[in-house]
Amino acid sequence: MRFRCFLLGITLLFCRSTFAQWVPVNSTQTTTMEVTSADGKKISYEQRREHYYRKSNGSLLIQQIPNDGSNTPTTAILLDNGKTHRSYKVDYVNGVAVDRHRPAQADTPRTRAFLAAAKPEDRPREETVNGIRCVVKPVSLVNPDGSLKTIGKVWLAPDYNFLLIKENTMHPLPGGGYMHITREVHNVLTGAEPDDALFATDAPTIKRARALSGPKSGRKW
């Protein structure tokens, strides 16, 4: 759970913009987690599907989709940057949104330190992903002695202030070994605002929002 929050913090930090608003985004994303033991054996492999929505006011919703072949979310993380500026865990089955008692933005000194460039040679370079210009940046952890350790990299589309790919390797795990996590965004639709009901925190709207689909127009990547 701590590492998932760390990944979400990275997402939020790169969603921040110097402009008055964000580019609205509707997309799907796949998160793959692979654990390898200290002797090189693959211990576990898990792949998760999620729906990702971002409004022009910076509010963010990430819905977790079960691996049962359905497309219906069960839970979600909502970061309301419009009304309450709070973070919620949404339970679609019971129609509740629980305040996580955290601010909506995760731009903290700790998060900024995680994302600091480790070495001069790690300065951003540009690549093209699915026809979109991206800046590749390292992701670093801060060691107890204050030094930085590069653990992965991100592909950021600066024209949309949006992360397309994240790769991180966490080690050592308890007992040795490491966990490699890759998040890739697919079917990105920009320019169309997600439905307001998706970002609601009242029970009736939450239950209705579970069945909502994405917009039918916009710029498709």
Protein backbone atom coordinates (compact mmCIF):
# COMPACT_ATOMS: atom_id res chain seq x y z
CA MET A 1 0.00 0.00 0.00
CA ARG A 2 2.84 2.42 0.78
CA PHE A 3 4.35 1.86 -2.64
CA ARG A 4 0.98 2.38 -4.34
CA CYS A 5 0.69 5.71 -2.51
CA PHE A 6 4.21 6.57 -3.68
CA LEU A 7 3.22 5.88 -7.29
CA LEU A 8 0.11 7.99 -6.88
CA GLY A 9 2.26 10.78 -5.46
CA ILE A 10 4.40 10.70 -8.59
CA THR A 11 1.29 10.90 -10.74
CA LEU A 12 -0.04 13.85 -8.80
CA LEU A 13 3.21 15.74 -8.82
CA PHE A 14 3.46 15.55 -12.60
CA CYS A 15 -0.20 16.52 -12.91
CA ARG A 16 0.59 19.86 -11.31
CA SER A 17 0.92 22.65 -13.84
CA THR A 18 2.08 26.23 -14.02
CA PHE A 19 -1.04 26.95 -16.08
CA ALA A 20 -4.48 27.79 -14.73
CA GLN A 21 -5.89 24.43 -15.73
CA TRP A 22 -4.98 20.91 -16.73
CA VAL A 23 -5.72 19.16 -20.00
CA PRO A 24 -8.74 16.89 -19.38
CA VAL A 25 -7.81 13.23 -19.72
CA ASN A 26 -9.80 10.00 -20.01
CA SER A 27 -7.77 6.81 -20.33
CA THR A 28 -7.12 3.27 -19.22
CA GLN A 29 -3.92 2.09 -17.63
CA THR A 30 -2.26 -1.20 -16.81
CA THR A 31 -0.09 -1.70 -13.75
CA THR A 32 2.18 -4.76 -13.68
CA MET A 33 3.91 -5.89 -10.47
CA GLU A 34 6.54 -8.60 -10.55
CA VAL A 35 8.38 -9.85 -7.44
CA THR A 36 11.74 -11.63 -7.78
CA SER A 37 13.53 -13.41 -4.94
CA ALA A 38 17.14 -12.83 -3.94
CA ASP A 39 18.20 -15.93 -5.92
CA GLY A 40 16.51 -14.68 -9.10
CA LYS A 41 13.29 -16.74 -8.97
CA LYS A 42 10.00 -15.14 -9.98
CA ILE A 43 7.79 -15.23 -6.89
CA SER A 44 4.67 -13.47 -8.10
CA TYR A 45 3.21 -11.62 -11.06
CA GLU A 46 0.12 -9.43 -10.94
CA GLN A 47 -1.48 -7.17 -13.51
CA ARG A 48 -4.16 -4.61 -12.66
CA ARG A 49 -6.43 -2.57 -14.90
CA GLU A 50 -7.58 0.91 -14.02
CA HIS A 51 -9.59 3.76 -15.46
CA TYR A 52 -7.89 7.15 -15.21
CA TYR A 53 -9.82 10.45 -15.33
CA ARG A 54 -8.48 13.98 -14.90
CA LYS A 55 -10.55 17.16 -15.01
CA SER A 56 -9.37 20.59 -16.11
CA ASN A 57 -9.37 21.74 -12.46
CA GLY A 58 -6.81 19.06 -11.60
CA SER A 59 -9.18 16.61 -9.89
CA LEU A 60 -8.08 13.02 -10.40
CA LEU A 61 -9.96 9.71 -10.27
CA ILE A 62 -8.31 6.29 -10.60
CA GLN A 63 -10.80 3.38 -10.66
CA GLN A 64 -9.63 -0.17 -9.94
CA ILE A 65 -11.10 -2.76 -12.33
CA PRO A 66 -11.37 -6.40 -11.17
CA ASN A 67 -9.59 -9.08 -13.17
CA ASP A 68 -12.79 -10.96 -13.92
CA GLY A 69 -13.32 -9.79 -17.47
CA SER A 70 -15.80 -7.09 -16.48
CA ASN A 71 -15.34 -3.37 -16.98
CA THR A 72 -17.12 -2.32 -13.79
CA PRO A 73 -14.99 -0.63 -11.09
CA THR A 74 -15.21 -1.77 -7.48
CA THR A 75 -13.09 0.88 -5.76
CA ALA A 76 -11.28 4.09 -6.66
CA ILE A 77 -9.02 6.80 -5.34
CA LEU A 78 -10.47 10.29 -5.78
CA LEU A 79 -8.47 13.48 -5.36
CA ASP A 80 -10.87 16.40 -5.36
CA ASN A 81 -9.01 19.50 -6.46
CA GLY A 82 -12.24 21.41 -7.13
CA LYS A 83 -14.50 21.54 -4.06
CA THR A 84 -13.06 19.90 -0.96
CA HIS A 85 -9.37 19.59 -1.85
CA ARG A 86 -9.39 16.25 -0.07
CA SER A 87 -8.47 12.66 -0.96
CA TYR A 88 -11.08 9.88 -0.80
CA LYS A 89 -11.31 6.13 -1.19
CA VAL A 90 -14.48 5.36 -3.12
CA ASP A 91 -16.39 2.10 -2.55
CA TYR A 92 -18.79 1.63 -5.47
CA VAL A 93 -20.39 -1.53 -4.09
CA ASN A 94 -21.57 0.20 -0.89
CA GLY A 95 -21.84 3.68 -2.40
CA VAL A 96 -19.53 5.44 0.06
CA ALA A 97 -16.54 7.76 -0.17
CA VAL A 98 -14.21 7.67 2.83
CA ASP A 99 -12.08 10.71 3.56
CA ARG A 100 -8.46 9.55 3.67
CA HIS A 101 -7.58 12.66 5.75
CA ARG A 102 -4.99 13.74 3.23
CA PRO A 103 -4.84 16.86 1.06
CA ALA A 104 -5.70 16.35 -2.59
CA GLN A 105 -2.23 17.33 -3.77
CA ALA A 106 0.76 15.19 -2.87
CA ASP A 107 3.43 17.77 -3.72
CA THR A 108 5.40 17.43 -0.48
CA PRO A 109 9.13 17.82 0.22
CA ARG A 110 9.32 14.02 0.55
CA THR A 111 7.73 13.48 -2.87
CA ARG A 112 9.90 16.14 -4.50
CA ALA A 113 12.97 14.41 -3.08
CA PHE A 114 11.85 11.07 -4.54
CA LEU A 115 11.75 12.67 -7.98
CA ALA A 116 15.04 14.55 -7.85
CA ALA A 117 17.58 13.83 -10.58
CA ALA A 118 20.22 11.46 -9.24
CA LYS A 119 23.22 12.43 -11.36
CA PRO A 120 24.06 15.02 -14.03
CA GLU A 121 24.11 12.26 -16.65
CA ASP A 122 20.49 11.44 -15.74
CA ARG A 123 19.21 14.74 -17.08
CA PRO A 124 15.98 14.43 -19.09
CA ARG A 125 16.09 13.29 -22.70
CA GLU A 126 13.28 13.27 -25.24
CA GLU A 127 11.61 10.24 -26.81
CA THR A 128 8.43 9.72 -28.84
CA VAL A 129 5.81 7.31 -27.48
CA ASN A 130 2.81 6.52 -29.70
CA GLY A 131 3.50 9.70 -31.63
CA ILE A 132 3.57 11.84 -28.47
CA ARG A 133 6.66 13.82 -27.47
CA CYS A 134 7.88 12.69 -24.06
CA VAL A 135 10.59 13.73 -21.65
CA VAL A 136 12.27 10.79 -19.91
CA LYS A 137 13.21 11.55 -16.31
CA PRO A 138 14.74 9.41 -13.55
CA VAL A 139 12.93 8.55 -10.33
CA SER A 140 15.16 8.54 -7.26
CA LEU A 141 14.90 7.51 -3.62
CA VAL A 142 16.62 9.38 -0.82
CA ASN A 143 18.98 7.18 1.21
CA PRO A 144 19.34 7.69 5.00
CA ASP A 145 22.63 9.50 4.41
CA GLY A 146 20.93 11.97 2.07
CA SER A 147 22.32 10.52 -1.14
CA LEU A 148 20.02 9.66 -4.06
CA LYS A 149 19.49 6.26 -5.61
CA THR A 150 17.87 5.98 -9.04
CA ILE A 151 15.14 3.32 -8.96
CA GLY A 152 13.37 3.90 -12.27
CA LYS A 153 12.19 6.42 -14.82
CA VAL A 154 9.08 8.11 -16.14
CA TRP A 155 7.94 9.22 -19.59
CA LEU A 156 6.17 12.58 -19.27
CA ALA A 157 4.25 14.22 -22.13
CA PRO A 158 5.00 17.91 -21.44
CA ASP A 159 2.42 19.18 -23.93
CA TYR A 160 -0.28 17.53 -21.80
CA ASN A 161 1.50 17.45 -18.41
CA PHE A 162 0.69 13.76 -18.28
CA LEU A 163 2.61 10.57 -17.48
CA LEU A 164 2.49 7.88 -20.15
CA ILE A 165 4.83 5.29 -18.63
CA LYS A 166 6.40 4.73 -15.19
CA GLU A 167 8.96 2.06 -14.29
CA ASN A 168 10.23 1.52 -10.75
CA THR A 169 12.24 -1.20 -9.05
CA MET A 170 12.01 -1.43 -5.25
CA HIS A 171 14.63 -3.42 -3.35
CA PRO A 172 15.59 -4.96 -1.11
CA LEU A 173 12.31 -6.49 -0.02
CA PRO A 174 11.98 -8.30 3.34
CA GLY A 175 14.03 -11.47 2.91
CA GLY A 176 15.82 -10.05 -0.12
CA GLY A 177 14.75 -9.75 -3.72
CA TYR A 178 12.98 -6.89 -5.40
CA MET A 179 9.68 -5.71 -6.91
CA HIS A 180 9.48 -4.22 -10.40
CA ILE A 181 6.41 -2.12 -11.21
CA THR A 182 5.45 -0.82 -14.65
CA ARG A 183 2.48 1.42 -15.33
CA GLU A 184 1.44 2.12 -18.92
CA VAL A 185 -1.40 4.33 -20.10
CA HIS A 186 -3.52 3.31 -23.09
CA ASN A 187 -6.44 4.69 -25.11
CA VAL A 188 -5.79 8.26 -24.00
CA LEU A 189 -8.54 10.74 -24.85
CA THR A 190 -7.82 14.44 -24.25
CA GLY A 191 -9.88 17.60 -24.43
CA ALA A 192 -13.21 16.11 -23.24
CA GLU A 193 -14.17 16.72 -19.62
CA PRO A 194 -15.01 13.56 -17.65
CA ASP A 195 -18.56 13.37 -16.31
CA ASP A 196 -18.95 15.42 -13.09
CA ALA A 197 -20.82 12.51 -11.50
CA LEU A 198 -17.63 10.45 -11.54
CA PHE A 199 -16.13 12.84 -8.98
CA ALA A 200 -19.10 12.92 -6.60
CA THR A 201 -18.82 11.82 -2.96
CA ASP A 202 -22.53 11.36 -2.12
CA ALA A 203 -23.92 7.82 -2.02
CA PRO A 204 -26.67 8.05 -4.71
CA THR A 205 -24.33 9.58 -7.28
CA ILE A 206 -21.51 7.16 -6.46
CA LYS A 207 -23.74 4.19 -7.21
CA ARG A 208 -24.87 5.78 -10.49
CA ALA A 209 -21.32 6.77 -11.46
CA ARG A 210 -20.22 3.15 -11.31
CA ALA A 211 -22.00 2.49 -14.61
CA LEU A 212 -20.83 5.63 -16.42
CA SER A 213 -18.62 5.29 -19.48
CA GLY A 214 -16.08 7.71 -20.87
CA PRO A 215 -16.76 10.49 -23.36
CA LYS A 216 -17.40 9.74 -27.01
CA SER A 217 -15.43 12.67 -28.39
CA GLY A 218 -12.03 14.25 -27.96
CA ARG A 219 -8.50 13.76 -29.25
CA LYS A 220 -7.56 10.06 -29.19
CA TRP A 221 -3.91 9.04 -28.88
